[in-house]
Amino acid sequence: MRYFWRVLSYVFHPLLVPIAGTVSYFLVTPKFNPLAIQSGNILPIFILTVIIPIIFYLILKNLGVVKSVFAPTIKERKYPLYLSMIIST
């Protein structure tokens, strides 16, 4: 059961949900949007939800603010949360 919850948490990770939602939208409505428009929408969403948070994490790790990906303490969780709030506004 523990393995199931772990797989579920990776599948529904906040970095992947916006991309999965966008791709599923375009799969449901393929005839209304050409491929160029679909890729033009998926690429910025991928950059904003995956690439930029990974870069911010690497910067925070190099600065010594975050020690691991899992951020076990509240102090380590604050800065990535603040940065993601700034990105999403």
C-alpha atoms as a PDB file:
ATOM      1  CA  MET A   1       0.000   0.000   0.000  1.00  0.00           C
ATOM      2  CA  ARG A   2       2.874   2.335   0.765  1.00  0.00           C
ATOM      3  CA  TYR A   3       4.226   1.811  -2.755  1.00  0.00           C
ATOM      4  CA  PHE A   4       0.828   2.751  -4.206  1.00  0.00           C
ATOM      5  CA  TRP A   5       0.733   6.050  -2.308  1.00  0.00           C
ATOM      6  CA  ARG A   6       4.281   6.873  -3.325  1.00  0.00           C
ATOM      7  CA  VAL A   7       3.512   6.289  -7.024  1.00  0.00           C
ATOM      8  CA  LEU A   8       0.335   8.321  -6.664  1.00  0.00           C
ATOM      9  CA  SER A   9       2.234  11.224  -5.115  1.00  0.00           C
ATOM     10  CA  TYR A  10       4.710  11.240  -8.003  1.00  0.00           C
ATOM     11  CA  VAL A  11       1.971  11.105 -10.631  1.00  0.00           C
ATOM     12  CA  PHE A  12       0.029  13.987  -9.055  1.00  0.00           C
ATOM     13  CA  HIS A  13       3.083  16.071  -8.189  1.00  0.00           C
ATOM     14  CA  PRO A  14       2.400  19.835  -8.450  1.00  0.00           C
ATOM     15  CA  LEU A  15       5.076  20.175 -11.109  1.00  0.00           C
ATOM     16  CA  LEU A  16       3.388  17.670 -13.397  1.00  0.00           C
ATOM     17  CA  VAL A  17      -0.319  18.406 -12.946  1.00  0.00           C
ATOM     18  CA  PRO A  18      -0.451  21.601 -15.103  1.00  0.00           C
ATOM     19  CA  ILE A  19       1.301  19.861 -17.981  1.00  0.00           C
ATOM     20  CA  ALA A  20      -0.913  16.782 -17.675  1.00  0.00           C
ATOM     21  CA  GLY A  21      -4.005  18.991 -17.629  1.00  0.00           C
ATOM     22  CA  THR A  22      -2.883  20.885 -20.717  1.00  0.00           C
ATOM     23  CA  VAL A  23      -2.010  17.731 -22.628  1.00  0.00           C
ATOM     24  CA  SER A  24      -5.293  16.063 -21.660  1.00  0.00           C
ATOM     25  CA  TYR A  25      -7.187  19.168 -22.787  1.00  0.00           C
ATOM     26  CA  PHE A  26      -5.530  19.039 -26.179  1.00  0.00           C
ATOM     27  CA  LEU A  27      -6.188  15.299 -26.449  1.00  0.00           C
ATOM     28  CA  VAL A  28      -9.890  15.847 -25.773  1.00  0.00           C
ATOM     29  CA  THR A  29     -10.174  18.714 -28.290  1.00  0.00           C
ATOM     30  CA  PRO A  30      -7.662  17.864 -31.046  1.00  0.00           C
ATOM     31  CA  LYS A  31      -9.675  19.125 -34.011  1.00  0.00           C
ATOM     32  CA  PHE A  32     -10.059  22.665 -32.697  1.00  0.00           C
ATOM     33  CA  ASN A  33      -6.361  23.457 -32.221  1.00  0.00           C
ATOM     34  CA  PRO A  34      -3.564  22.914 -34.740  1.00  0.00           C
ATOM     35  CA  LEU A  35      -0.323  21.329 -33.609  1.00  0.00           C
ATOM     36  CA  ALA A  36       1.582  24.635 -33.713  1.00  0.00           C
ATOM     37  CA  ILE A  37      -0.821  26.237 -31.239  1.00  0.00           C
ATOM     38  CA  GLN A  38      -0.707  23.182 -28.986  1.00  0.00           C
ATOM     39  CA  SER A  39       3.069  23.181 -28.799  1.00  0.00           C
ATOM     40  CA  GLY A  40       3.044  26.947 -28.376  1.00  0.00           C
ATOM     41  CA  ASN A  41       0.890  26.515 -25.273  1.00  0.00           C
ATOM     42  CA  ILE A  42       2.592  23.454 -23.787  1.00  0.00           C
ATOM     43  CA  LEU A  43       6.140  24.841 -23.964  1.00  0.00           C
ATOM     44  CA  PRO A  44       5.588  27.934 -21.759  1.00  0.00           C
ATOM     45  CA  ILE A  45       3.619  25.869 -19.255  1.00  0.00           C
ATOM     46  CA  PHE A  46       6.472  23.347 -19.131  1.00  0.00           C
ATOM     47  CA  ILE A  47       9.025  26.105 -18.621  1.00  0.00           C
ATOM     48  CA  LEU A  48       7.020  27.827 -15.868  1.00  0.00           C
ATOM     49  CA  THR A  49       6.035  24.697 -13.964  1.00  0.00           C
ATOM     50  CA  VAL A  50       9.098  22.459 -14.358  1.00  0.00           C
ATOM     51  CA  ILE A  51      12.239  24.224 -15.543  1.00  0.00           C
ATOM     52  CA  ILE A  52      12.081  27.402 -13.436  1.00  0.00           C
ATOM     53  CA  PRO A  53      11.275  25.604 -10.132  1.00  0.00           C
ATOM     54  CA  ILE A  54      14.166  23.190 -10.724  1.00  0.00           C
ATOM     55  CA  ILE A  55      16.508  26.116 -11.379  1.00  0.00           C
ATOM     56  CA  PHE A  56      15.278  27.860  -8.214  1.00  0.00           C
ATOM     57  CA  TYR A  57      15.825  24.662  -6.233  1.00  0.00           C
ATOM     58  CA  LEU A  58      19.393  24.360  -7.521  1.00  0.00           C
ATOM     59  CA  ILE A  59      20.047  27.999  -6.613  1.00  0.00           C
ATOM     60  CA  LEU A  60      18.622  27.512  -3.111  1.00  0.00           C
ATOM     61  CA  LYS A  61      20.669  24.333  -2.667  1.00  0.00           C
ATOM     62  CA  ASN A  62      23.872  26.133  -3.692  1.00  0.00           C
ATOM     63  CA  LEU A  63      23.066  28.964  -1.262  1.00  0.00           C
ATOM     64  CA  GLY A  64      22.589  26.412   1.525  1.00  0.00           C
ATOM     65  CA  VAL A  65      18.965  27.357   2.178  1.00  0.00           C
ATOM     66  CA  VAL A  66      17.646  23.900   1.220  1.00  0.00           C
ATOM     67  CA  LYS A  67      19.497  20.719   2.122  1.00  0.00           C
ATOM     68  CA  SER A  68      17.424  18.087   0.271  1.00  0.00           C
ATOM     69  CA  VAL A  69      14.606  17.806  -2.250  1.00  0.00           C
ATOM     70  CA  PHE A  70      12.157  16.727   0.458  1.00  0.00           C
ATOM     71  CA  ALA A  71      12.776  19.843   2.632  1.00  0.00           C
ATOM     72  CA  PRO A  72      12.140  18.186   6.003  1.00  0.00           C
ATOM     73  CA  THR A  73      11.940  21.364   8.086  1.00  0.00           C
ATOM     74  CA  ILE A  74       9.535  24.276   7.838  1.00  0.00           C
ATOM     75  CA  LYS A  75      12.432  26.695   7.452  1.00  0.00           C
ATOM     76  CA  GLU A  76      13.550  24.867   4.305  1.00  0.00           C
ATOM     77  CA  ARG A  77      10.030  24.848   2.870  1.00  0.00           C
ATOM     78  CA  LYS A  78       9.396  28.574   3.189  1.00  0.00           C
ATOM     79  CA  TYR A  79      11.649  29.867   0.437  1.00  0.00           C
ATOM     80  CA  PRO A  80      10.598  27.435  -2.320  1.00  0.00           C
ATOM     81  CA  LEU A  81       6.976  28.173  -1.430  1.00  0.00           C
ATOM     82  CA  TYR A  82       7.532  31.926  -1.646  1.00  0.00           C
ATOM     83  CA  LEU A  83       9.308  31.560  -4.987  1.00  0.00           C
ATOM     84  CA  SER A  84       6.534  29.396  -6.422  1.00  0.00           C
ATOM     85  CA  MET A  85       3.951  31.947  -5.280  1.00  0.00           C
ATOM     86  CA  ILE A  86       5.882  34.687  -7.082  1.00  0.00           C
ATOM     87  CA  ILE A  87       6.123  32.583 -10.254  1.00  0.00           C
ATOM     88  CA  SER A  88       2.423  31.749 -10.324  1.00  0.00           C
ATOM     89  CA  THR A  89       1.165  35.317  -9.899  1.00  0.00           C
END
